[in-house]
Amino acid sequence: MGILFQTIRRLVMSGRYVVGEHASQRLEERLILEWQVVDGIERGVLIAEDPSARPNPTAEVRQALADGSEVKVVWSYVFSDDIAKLVTVHFFGR
């Protein structure tokens, strides 16, 4: 498991995260509740990390929702504020 993902997971699980405007819109249009994504990070599986992403390094994570549906969640690490940021969420194959 990547160090970046470990940091993001720790921050999300301790409530130190924000939801970006884009992510908020995607959650709404895909009928996904924020709590499901937050709850799902504990059992999430790292797909890829991009420590050189700008403006913040990112981690793509495969997560399961409460109904068992799998989603790809992109989280970023906002170093200056030591918080995680939910960037976007989408279903696989849709």
PDB file of N, CA and C in Angstrom:
ATOM      1  N   MET A   1       0.841  -1.173   0.000  1.00  0.00           N
ATOM      2  CA  MET A   1       0.000   0.000   0.000  1.00  0.00           C
ATOM      3  C   MET A   1       0.885   1.235   0.000  1.00  0.00           C
ATOM      4  N   GLY A   2       0.536   2.228  -0.812  1.00  0.00           N
ATOM      5  CA  GLY A   2       1.350   3.418  -0.929  1.00  0.00           C
ATOM      6  C   GLY A   2       1.287   4.325   0.284  1.00  0.00           C
ATOM      7  N   ILE A   3       2.356   5.024   0.513  1.00  0.00           N
ATOM      8  CA  ILE A   3       2.433   5.948   1.650  1.00  0.00           C
ATOM      9  C   ILE A   3       1.417   7.078   1.499  1.00  0.00           C
ATOM     10  N   LEU A   4       1.243   7.582   0.288  1.00  0.00           N
ATOM     11  CA  LEU A   4       0.267   8.647   0.049  1.00  0.00           C
ATOM     12  C   LEU A   4      -1.131   8.162   0.407  1.00  0.00           C
ATOM     13  N   PHE A   5      -1.488   6.981  -0.055  1.00  0.00           N
ATOM     14  CA  PHE A   5      -2.812   6.430   0.250  1.00  0.00           C
ATOM     15  C   PHE A   5      -2.988   6.219   1.753  1.00  0.00           C
ATOM     16  N   GLN A   6      -1.965   5.744   2.422  1.00  0.00           N
ATOM     17  CA  GLN A   6      -2.048   5.571   3.878  1.00  0.00           C
ATOM     18  C   GLN A   6      -2.338   6.901   4.563  1.00  0.00           C
ATOM     19  N   THR A   7      -1.684   7.952   4.112  1.00  0.00           N
ATOM     20  CA  THR A   7      -1.896   9.289   4.684  1.00  0.00           C
ATOM     21  C   THR A   7      -3.325   9.749   4.438  1.00  0.00           C
ATOM     22  N   ILE A   8      -3.792   9.611   3.201  1.00  0.00           N
ATOM     23  CA  ILE A   8      -5.149  10.031   2.859  1.00  0.00           C
ATOM     24  C   ILE A   8      -6.168   9.229   3.662  1.00  0.00           C
ATOM     25  N   ARG A   9      -5.998   7.937   3.729  1.00  0.00           N
ATOM     26  CA  ARG A   9      -6.931   7.076   4.478  1.00  0.00           C
ATOM     27  C   ARG A   9      -7.003   7.507   5.940  1.00  0.00           C
ATOM     28  N   ARG A  10      -5.852   7.736   6.540  1.00  0.00           N
ATOM     29  CA  ARG A  10      -5.810   8.163   7.948  1.00  0.00           C
ATOM     30  C   ARG A  10      -6.567   9.470   8.143  1.00  0.00           C
ATOM     31  N   LEU A  11      -6.329  10.428   7.239  1.00  0.00           N
ATOM     32  CA  LEU A  11      -6.994  11.720   7.349  1.00  0.00           C
ATOM     33  C   LEU A  11      -8.513  11.597   7.185  1.00  0.00           C
ATOM     34  N   VAL A  12      -8.947  10.848   6.181  1.00  0.00           N
ATOM     35  CA  VAL A  12     -10.392  10.678   5.951  1.00  0.00           C
ATOM     36  C   VAL A  12     -11.040   9.997   7.152  1.00  0.00           C
ATOM     37  N   MET A  13     -10.423   8.949   7.650  1.00  0.00           N
ATOM     38  CA  MET A  13     -11.004   8.205   8.767  1.00  0.00           C
ATOM     39  C   MET A  13     -11.045   9.026  10.052  1.00  0.00           C
ATOM     40  N   SER A  14     -10.203  10.048  10.143  1.00  0.00           N
ATOM     41  CA  SER A  14     -10.229  10.915  11.327  1.00  0.00           C
ATOM     42  C   SER A  14     -11.052  12.185  11.086  1.00  0.00           C
ATOM     43  N   GLY A  15     -11.737  12.242   9.934  1.00  0.00           N
ATOM     44  CA  GLY A  15     -12.616  13.387   9.650  1.00  0.00           C
ATOM     45  C   GLY A  15     -11.922  14.602   9.077  1.00  0.00           C
ATOM     46  N   ARG A  16     -10.663  14.462   8.724  1.00  0.00           N
ATOM     47  CA  ARG A  16      -9.894  15.586   8.179  1.00  0.00           C
ATOM     48  C   ARG A  16      -9.895  15.535   6.649  1.00  0.00           C
ATOM     49  N   TYR A  17     -11.058  15.836   6.066  1.00  0.00           N
ATOM     50  CA  TYR A  17     -11.193  15.831   4.616  1.00  0.00           C
ATOM     51  C   TYR A  17     -12.192  16.900   4.195  1.00  0.00           C
ATOM     52  N   VAL A  18     -12.116  17.277   2.934  1.00  0.00           N
ATOM     53  CA  VAL A  18     -13.085  18.180   2.320  1.00  0.00           C
ATOM     54  C   VAL A  18     -13.560  17.536   1.027  1.00  0.00           C
ATOM     55  N   VAL A  19     -14.705  17.999   0.566  1.00  0.00           N
ATOM     56  CA  VAL A  19     -15.261  17.512  -0.689  1.00  0.00           C
ATOM     57  C   VAL A  19     -15.207  18.659  -1.688  1.00  0.00           C
ATOM     58  N   GLY A  20     -14.493  18.455  -2.784  1.00  0.00           N
ATOM     59  CA  GLY A  20     -14.394  19.477  -3.812  1.00  0.00           C
ATOM     60  C   GLY A  20     -15.730  19.681  -4.519  1.00  0.00           C
ATOM     61  N   GLU A  21     -15.872  20.827  -5.166  1.00  0.00           N
ATOM     62  CA  GLU A  21     -17.113  21.142  -5.878  1.00  0.00           C
ATOM     63  C   GLU A  21     -17.404  20.109  -6.969  1.00  0.00           C
ATOM     64  N   HIS A  22     -16.388  19.733  -7.722  1.00  0.00           N
ATOM     65  CA  HIS A  22     -16.570  18.736  -8.778  1.00  0.00           C
ATOM     66  C   HIS A  22     -17.077  17.414  -8.183  1.00  0.00           C
ATOM     67  N   ALA A  23     -16.455  16.977  -7.094  1.00  0.00           N
ATOM     68  CA  ALA A  23     -16.865  15.729  -6.449  1.00  0.00           C
ATOM     69  C   ALA A  23     -18.293  15.827  -5.938  1.00  0.00           C
ATOM     70  N   SER A  24     -18.642  16.951  -5.378  1.00  0.00           N
ATOM     71  CA  SER A  24     -20.003  17.154  -4.875  1.00  0.00           C
ATOM     72  C   SER A  24     -21.025  17.006  -6.006  1.00  0.00           C
ATOM     73  N   GLN A  25     -20.716  17.572  -7.152  1.00  0.00           N
ATOM     74  CA  GLN A  25     -21.604  17.465  -8.319  1.00  0.00           C
ATOM     75  C   GLN A  25     -21.698  16.023  -8.805  1.00  0.00           C
ATOM     76  N   ARG A  26     -20.557  15.316  -8.868  1.00  0.00           N
ATOM     77  CA  ARG A  26     -20.568  13.928  -9.331  1.00  0.00           C
ATOM     78  C   ARG A  26     -21.340  13.025  -8.358  1.00  0.00           C
ATOM     79  N   LEU A  27     -21.175  13.244  -7.062  1.00  0.00           N
ATOM     80  CA  LEU A  27     -21.928  12.471  -6.074  1.00  0.00           C
ATOM     81  C   LEU A  27     -23.428  12.654  -6.289  1.00  0.00           C
ATOM     82  N   GLU A  28     -23.833  13.895  -6.470  1.00  0.00           N
ATOM     83  CA  GLU A  28     -25.254  14.189  -6.644  1.00  0.00           C
ATOM     84  C   GLU A  28     -25.811  13.555  -7.922  1.00  0.00           C
ATOM     85  N   GLU A  29     -25.105  13.718  -9.042  1.00  0.00           N
ATOM     86  CA  GLU A  29     -25.631  13.194 -10.306  1.00  0.00           C
ATOM     87  C   GLU A  29     -25.597  11.671 -10.361  1.00  0.00           C
ATOM     88  N   ARG A  30     -24.725  11.044  -9.572  1.00  0.00           N
ATOM     89  CA  ARG A  30     -24.627   9.584  -9.568  1.00  0.00           C
ATOM     90  C   ARG A  30     -25.377   8.949  -8.390  1.00  0.00           C
ATOM     91  N   LEU A  31     -26.068   9.794  -7.638  1.00  0.00           N
ATOM     92  CA  LEU A  31     -26.894   9.339  -6.510  1.00  0.00           C
ATOM     93  C   LEU A  31     -26.089   8.547  -5.488  1.00  0.00           C
ATOM     94  N   ILE A  32     -24.898   9.045  -5.204  1.00  0.00           N
ATOM     95  CA  ILE A  32     -24.025   8.444  -4.205  1.00  0.00           C
ATOM     96  C   ILE A  32     -23.967   9.394  -3.018  1.00  0.00           C
ATOM     97  N   LEU A  33     -24.137   8.862  -1.829  1.00  0.00           N
ATOM     98  CA  LEU A  33     -24.066   9.682  -0.633  1.00  0.00           C
ATOM     99  C   LEU A  33     -22.616   9.781  -0.153  1.00  0.00           C
ATOM    100  N   GLU A  34     -22.235  10.957   0.288  1.00  0.00           N
ATOM    101  CA  GLU A  34     -20.859  11.204   0.733  1.00  0.00           C
ATOM    102  C   GLU A  34     -20.400  10.193   1.782  1.00  0.00           C
ATOM    103  N   TRP A  35     -21.266   9.872   2.733  1.00  0.00           N
ATOM    104  CA  TRP A  35     -20.867   8.976   3.819  1.00  0.00           C
ATOM    105  C   TRP A  35     -20.432   7.603   3.298  1.00  0.00           C
ATOM    106  N   GLN A  36     -21.013   7.174   2.179  1.00  0.00           N
ATOM    107  CA  GLN A  36     -20.647   5.868   1.632  1.00  0.00           C
ATOM    108  C   GLN A  36     -19.203   5.862   1.136  1.00  0.00           C
ATOM    109  N   VAL A  37     -18.807   6.958   0.524  1.00  0.00           N
ATOM    110  CA  VAL A  37     -17.440   7.065   0.010  1.00  0.00           C
ATOM    111  C   VAL A  37     -16.457   7.192   1.168  1.00  0.00           C
ATOM    112  N   VAL A  38     -16.824   7.986   2.154  1.00  0.00           N
ATOM    113  CA  VAL A  38     -15.964   8.159   3.326  1.00  0.00           C
ATOM    114  C   VAL A  38     -15.826   6.829   4.068  1.00  0.00           C
ATOM    115  N   ASP A  39     -16.939   6.154   4.287  1.00  0.00           N
ATOM    116  CA  ASP A  39     -16.922   4.871   4.983  1.00  0.00           C
ATOM    117  C   ASP A  39     -16.141   3.819   4.196  1.00  0.00           C
ATOM    118  N   GLY A  40     -16.235   3.849   2.879  1.00  0.00           N
ATOM    119  CA  GLY A  40     -15.610   2.842   2.035  1.00  0.00           C
ATOM    120  C   GLY A  40     -14.105   2.912   1.946  1.00  0.00           C
ATOM    121  N   ILE A  41     -13.507   4.018   2.358  1.00  0.00           N
ATOM    122  CA  ILE A  41     -12.049   4.133   2.218  1.00  0.00           C
ATOM    123  C   ILE A  41     -11.317   3.162   3.137  1.00  0.00           C
ATOM    124  N   GLU A  42     -11.923   2.788   4.237  1.00  0.00           N
ATOM    125  CA  GLU A  42     -11.266   1.875   5.176  1.00  0.00           C
ATOM    126  C   GLU A  42     -10.921   0.552   4.509  1.00  0.00           C
ATOM    127  N   ARG A  43     -11.803   0.085   3.626  1.00  0.00           N
ATOM    128  CA  ARG A  43     -11.575  -1.188   2.931  1.00  0.00           C
ATOM    129  C   ARG A  43     -11.174  -0.969   1.464  1.00  0.00           C
ATOM    130  N   GLY A  44     -10.901   0.272   1.109  1.00  0.00           N
ATOM    131  CA  GLY A  44     -10.529   0.585  -0.268  1.00  0.00           C
ATOM    132  C   GLY A  44      -9.210  -0.044  -0.670  1.00  0.00           C
ATOM    133  N   VAL A  45      -9.078  -0.268  -1.971  1.00  0.00           N
ATOM    134  CA  VAL A  45      -7.862  -0.871  -2.526  1.00  0.00           C
ATOM    135  C   VAL A  45      -7.213   0.148  -3.464  1.00  0.00           C
ATOM    136  N   LEU A  46      -5.971   0.417  -3.227  1.00  0.00           N
ATOM    137  CA  LEU A  46      -5.232   1.373  -4.047  1.00  0.00           C
ATOM    138  C   LEU A  46      -5.105   0.876  -5.480  1.00  0.00           C
ATOM    139  N   ILE A  47      -5.463   1.733  -6.428  1.00  0.00           N
ATOM    140  CA  ILE A  47      -5.272   1.444  -7.847  1.00  0.00           C
ATOM    141  C   ILE A  47      -3.967   2.072  -8.315  1.00  0.00           C
ATOM    142  N   ALA A  48      -3.803   3.352  -8.011  1.00  0.00           N
ATOM    143  CA  ALA A  48      -2.596   4.070  -8.446  1.00  0.00           C
ATOM    144  C   ALA A  48      -2.413   5.325  -7.614  1.00  0.00           C
ATOM    145  N   GLU A  49      -1.166   5.728  -7.479  1.00  0.00           N
ATOM    146  CA  GLU A  49      -0.832   7.005  -6.849  1.00  0.00           C
ATOM    147  C   GLU A  49      -0.093   7.853  -7.868  1.00  0.00           C
ATOM    148  N   ASP A  50      -0.306   9.159  -7.782  1.00  0.00           N
ATOM    149  CA  ASP A  50       0.447  10.089  -8.617  1.00  0.00           C
ATOM    150  C   ASP A  50       0.971  11.211  -7.733  1.00  0.00           C
ATOM    151  N   PRO A  51       2.148  11.014  -7.138  1.00  0.00           N
ATOM    152  CA  PRO A  51       2.699  12.028  -6.238  1.00  0.00           C
ATOM    153  C   PRO A  51       3.089  13.321  -6.942  1.00  0.00           C
ATOM    154  N   SER A  52       3.170  13.290  -8.274  1.00  0.00           N
ATOM    155  CA  SER A  52       3.556  14.508  -9.002  1.00  0.00           C
ATOM    156  C   SER A  52       2.346  15.262  -9.550  1.00  0.00           C
ATOM    157  N   ALA A  53       1.125  14.786  -9.274  1.00  0.00           N
ATOM    158  CA  ALA A  53      -0.081  15.471  -9.768  1.00  0.00           C
ATOM    159  C   ALA A  53      -0.150  16.885  -9.200  1.00  0.00           C
ATOM    160  N   ARG A  54      -0.656  17.785  -9.991  1.00  0.00           N
ATOM    161  CA  ARG A  54      -0.803  19.178  -9.588  1.00  0.00           C
ATOM    162  C   ARG A  54      -2.261  19.574  -9.631  1.00  0.00           C
ATOM    163  N   PRO A  55      -2.771  20.327  -8.702  1.00  0.00           N
ATOM    164  CA  PRO A  55      -2.009  21.025  -7.664  1.00  0.00           C
ATOM    165  C   PRO A  55      -1.672  20.166  -6.444  1.00  0.00           C
ATOM    166  N   ASN A  56      -2.262  18.965  -6.343  1.00  0.00           N
ATOM    167  CA  ASN A  56      -2.003  18.109  -5.189  1.00  0.00           C
ATOM    168  C   ASN A  56      -1.811  16.668  -5.634  1.00  0.00           C
ATOM    169  N   PRO A  57      -0.961  15.905  -4.938  1.00  0.00           N
ATOM    170  CA  PRO A  57      -0.781  14.493  -5.274  1.00  0.00           C
ATOM    171  C   PRO A  57      -2.095  13.729  -5.093  1.00  0.00           C
ATOM    172  N   THR A  58      -2.304  12.707  -5.938  1.00  0.00           N
ATOM    173  CA  THR A  58      -3.575  11.982  -5.915  1.00  0.00           C
ATOM    174  C   THR A  58      -3.380  10.481  -5.728  1.00  0.00           C
ATOM    175  N   ALA A  59      -4.469   9.871  -5.244  1.00  0.00           N
ATOM    176  CA  ALA A  59      -4.542   8.417  -5.140  1.00  0.00           C
ATOM    177  C   ALA A  59      -5.886   7.990  -5.712  1.00  0.00           C
ATOM    178  N   GLU A  60      -5.857   7.012  -6.632  1.00  0.00           N
ATOM    179  CA  GLU A  60      -7.083   6.420  -7.173  1.00  0.00           C
ATOM    180  C   GLU A  60      -7.346   5.148  -6.378  1.00  0.00           C
ATOM    181  N   VAL A  61      -8.584   5.012  -5.901  1.00  0.00           N
ATOM    182  CA  VAL A  61      -8.917   3.920  -4.993  1.00  0.00           C
ATOM    183  C   VAL A  61     -10.185   3.208  -5.469  1.00  0.00           C
ATOM    184  N   ARG A  62     -10.155   1.882  -5.472  1.00  0.00           N
ATOM    185  CA  ARG A  62     -11.354   1.079  -5.739  1.00  0.00           C
ATOM    186  C   ARG A  62     -12.058   0.896  -4.404  1.00  0.00           C
ATOM    187  N   GLN A  63     -13.310   1.346  -4.344  1.00  0.00           N
ATOM    188  CA  GLN A  63     -14.075   1.262  -3.114  1.00  0.00           C
ATOM    189  C   GLN A  63     -15.446   0.656  -3.392  1.00  0.00           C
ATOM    190  N   ALA A  64     -16.042   0.091  -2.359  1.00  0.00           N
ATOM    191  CA  ALA A  64     -17.389  -0.465  -2.475  1.00  0.00           C
ATOM    192  C   ALA A  64     -18.367   0.428  -1.725  1.00  0.00           C
ATOM    193  N   LEU A  65     -19.534   0.633  -2.324  1.00  0.00           N
ATOM    194  CA  LEU A  65     -20.605   1.370  -1.668  1.00  0.00           C
ATOM    195  C   LEU A  65     -21.404   0.413  -0.791  1.00  0.00           C
ATOM    196  N   ALA A  66     -22.338   0.959  -0.030  1.00  0.00           N
ATOM    197  CA  ALA A  66     -23.141   0.149   0.897  1.00  0.00           C
ATOM    198  C   ALA A  66     -23.902  -0.967   0.182  1.00  0.00           C
ATOM    199  N   ASP A  67     -24.303  -0.729  -1.079  1.00  0.00           N
ATOM    200  CA  ASP A  67     -25.052  -1.751  -1.822  1.00  0.00           C
ATOM    201  C   ASP A  67     -24.149  -2.732  -2.559  1.00  0.00           C
ATOM    202  N   GLY A  68     -22.837  -2.602  -2.384  1.00  0.00           N
ATOM    203  CA  GLY A  68     -21.888  -3.498  -3.018  1.00  0.00           C
ATOM    204  C   GLY A  68     -21.345  -3.002  -4.349  1.00  0.00           C
ATOM    205  N   SER A  69     -21.928  -1.933  -4.886  1.00  0.00           N
ATOM    206  CA  SER A  69     -21.425  -1.361  -6.142  1.00  0.00           C
ATOM    207  C   SER A  69     -20.000  -0.864  -5.950  1.00  0.00           C
ATOM    208  N   GLU A  70     -19.164  -1.100  -6.971  1.00  0.00           N
ATOM    209  CA  GLU A  70     -17.787  -0.627  -6.890  1.00  0.00           C
ATOM    210  C   GLU A  70     -17.632   0.690  -7.629  1.00  0.00           C
ATOM    211  N   VAL A  71     -16.864   1.575  -7.024  1.00  0.00           N
ATOM    212  CA  VAL A  71     -16.591   2.876  -7.618  1.00  0.00           C
ATOM    213  C   VAL A  71     -15.097   3.145  -7.585  1.00  0.00           C
ATOM    214  N   LYS A  72     -14.667   3.996  -8.497  1.00  0.00           N
ATOM    215  CA  LYS A  72     -13.290   4.500  -8.465  1.00  0.00           C
ATOM    216  C   LYS A  72     -13.374   5.890  -7.858  1.00  0.00           C
ATOM    217  N   VAL A  73     -12.613   6.090  -6.809  1.00  0.00           N
ATOM    218  CA  VAL A  73     -12.617   7.350  -6.085  1.00  0.00           C
ATOM    219  C   VAL A  73     -11.229   7.972  -6.217  1.00  0.00           C
ATOM    220  N   VAL A  74     -11.192   9.232  -6.554  1.00  0.00           N
ATOM    221  CA  VAL A  74      -9.924   9.952  -6.612  1.00  0.00           C
ATOM    222  C   VAL A  74      -9.864  10.893  -5.414  1.00  0.00           C
ATOM    223  N   TRP A  75      -8.852  10.678  -4.607  1.00  0.00           N
ATOM    224  CA  TRP A  75      -8.578  11.511  -3.445  1.00  0.00           C
ATOM    225  C   TRP A  75      -7.273  12.265  -3.693  1.00  0.00           C
ATOM    226  N   SER A  76      -7.153  13.443  -3.109  1.00  0.00           N
ATOM    227  CA  SER A  76      -5.869  14.138  -3.164  1.00  0.00           C
ATOM    228  C   SER A  76      -5.449  14.513  -1.751  1.00  0.00           C
ATOM    229  N   TYR A  77      -4.181  14.825  -1.621  1.00  0.00           N
ATOM    230  CA  TYR A  77      -3.623  15.234  -0.336  1.00  0.00           C
ATOM    231  C   TYR A  77      -3.215  16.694  -0.438  1.00  0.00           C
ATOM    232  N   VAL A  78      -3.875  17.524   0.349  1.00  0.00           N
ATOM    233  CA  VAL A  78      -3.579  18.962   0.378  1.00  0.00           C
ATOM    234  C   VAL A  78      -2.540  19.166   1.480  1.00  0.00           C
ATOM    235  N   PHE A  79      -1.288  19.150   1.074  1.00  0.00           N
ATOM    236  CA  PHE A  79      -0.162  19.197   2.008  1.00  0.00           C
ATOM    237  C   PHE A  79      -0.204  20.444   2.883  1.00  0.00           C
ATOM    238  N   SER A  80      -0.510  21.601   2.286  1.00  0.00           N
ATOM    239  CA  SER A  80      -0.471  22.865   3.030  1.00  0.00           C
ATOM    240  C   SER A  80      -1.438  22.890   4.207  1.00  0.00           C
ATOM    241  N   ASP A  81      -2.546  22.152   4.105  1.00  0.00           N
ATOM    242  CA  ASP A  81      -3.545  22.127   5.175  1.00  0.00           C
ATOM    243  C   ASP A  81      -3.593  20.781   5.903  1.00  0.00           C
ATOM    244  N   ASP A  82      -2.784  19.825   5.459  1.00  0.00           N
ATOM    245  CA  ASP A  82      -2.764  18.466   6.001  1.00  0.00           C
ATOM    246  C   ASP A  82      -4.176  17.875   6.062  1.00  0.00           C
ATOM    247  N   ILE A  83      -4.853  17.912   4.903  1.00  0.00           N
ATOM    248  CA  ILE A  83      -6.187  17.328   4.780  1.00  0.00           C
ATOM    249  C   ILE A  83      -6.274  16.531   3.479  1.00  0.00           C
ATOM    250  N   ALA A  84      -7.231  15.628   3.439  1.00  0.00           N
ATOM    251  CA  ALA A  84      -7.534  14.895   2.213  1.00  0.00           C
ATOM    252  C   ALA A  84      -8.670  15.635   1.507  1.00  0.00           C
ATOM    253  N   LYS A  85      -8.710  15.496   0.194  1.00  0.00           N
ATOM    254  CA  LYS A  85      -9.772  16.119  -0.597  1.00  0.00           C
ATOM    255  C   LYS A  85     -10.361  15.078  -1.536  1.00  0.00           C
ATOM    256  N   LEU A  86     -11.687  14.953  -1.495  1.00  0.00           N
ATOM    257  CA  LEU A  86     -12.389  14.088  -2.434  1.00  0.00           C
ATOM    258  C   LEU A  86     -12.477  14.833  -3.755  1.00  0.00           C
ATOM    259  N   VAL A  87     -11.875  14.274  -4.803  1.00  0.00           N
ATOM    260  CA  VAL A  87     -11.782  14.944  -6.098  1.00  0.00           C
ATOM    261  C   VAL A  87     -12.931  14.527  -7.017  1.00  0.00           C
ATOM    262  N   THR A  88     -13.165  13.209  -7.150  1.00  0.00           N
ATOM    263  CA  THR A  88     -14.248  12.718  -7.996  1.00  0.00           C
ATOM    264  C   THR A  88     -14.546  11.264  -7.669  1.00  0.00           C
ATOM    265  N   VAL A  89     -15.712  10.814  -8.146  1.00  0.00           N
ATOM    266  CA  VAL A  89     -16.167   9.436  -7.947  1.00  0.00           C
ATOM    267  C   VAL A  89     -16.879   9.004  -9.219  1.00  0.00           C
ATOM    268  N   HIS A  90     -16.581   7.790  -9.694  1.00  0.00           N
ATOM    269  CA  HIS A  90     -17.380   7.273 -10.818  1.00  0.00           C
ATOM    270  C   HIS A  90     -17.473   5.757 -10.750  1.00  0.00           C
ATOM    271  N   PHE A  91     -18.524   5.223 -11.359  1.00  0.00           N
ATOM    272  CA  PHE A  91     -18.729   3.787 -11.409  1.00  0.00           C
ATOM    273  C   PHE A  91     -17.827   3.188 -12.468  1.00  0.00           C
ATOM    274  N   PHE A  92     -17.379   1.982 -12.255  1.00  0.00           N
ATOM    275  CA  PHE A  92     -16.617   1.263 -13.253  1.00  0.00           C
ATOM    276  C   PHE A  92     -17.582   0.811 -14.350  1.00  0.00           C
ATOM    277  N   GLY A  93     -17.183   0.948 -15.601  1.00  0.00           N
ATOM    278  CA  GLY A  93     -17.958   0.436 -16.734  1.00  0.00           C
ATOM    279  C   GLY A  93     -19.234   1.179 -17.058  1.00  0.00           C
ATOM    280  N   ARG A  94     -19.416   2.356 -16.522  1.00  0.00           N
ATOM    281  CA  ARG A  94     -20.616   3.146 -16.855  1.00  0.00           C
ATOM    282  C   ARG A  94     -20.227   4.442 -17.486  1.00  0.00           C
TER     283      ARG A  94
END
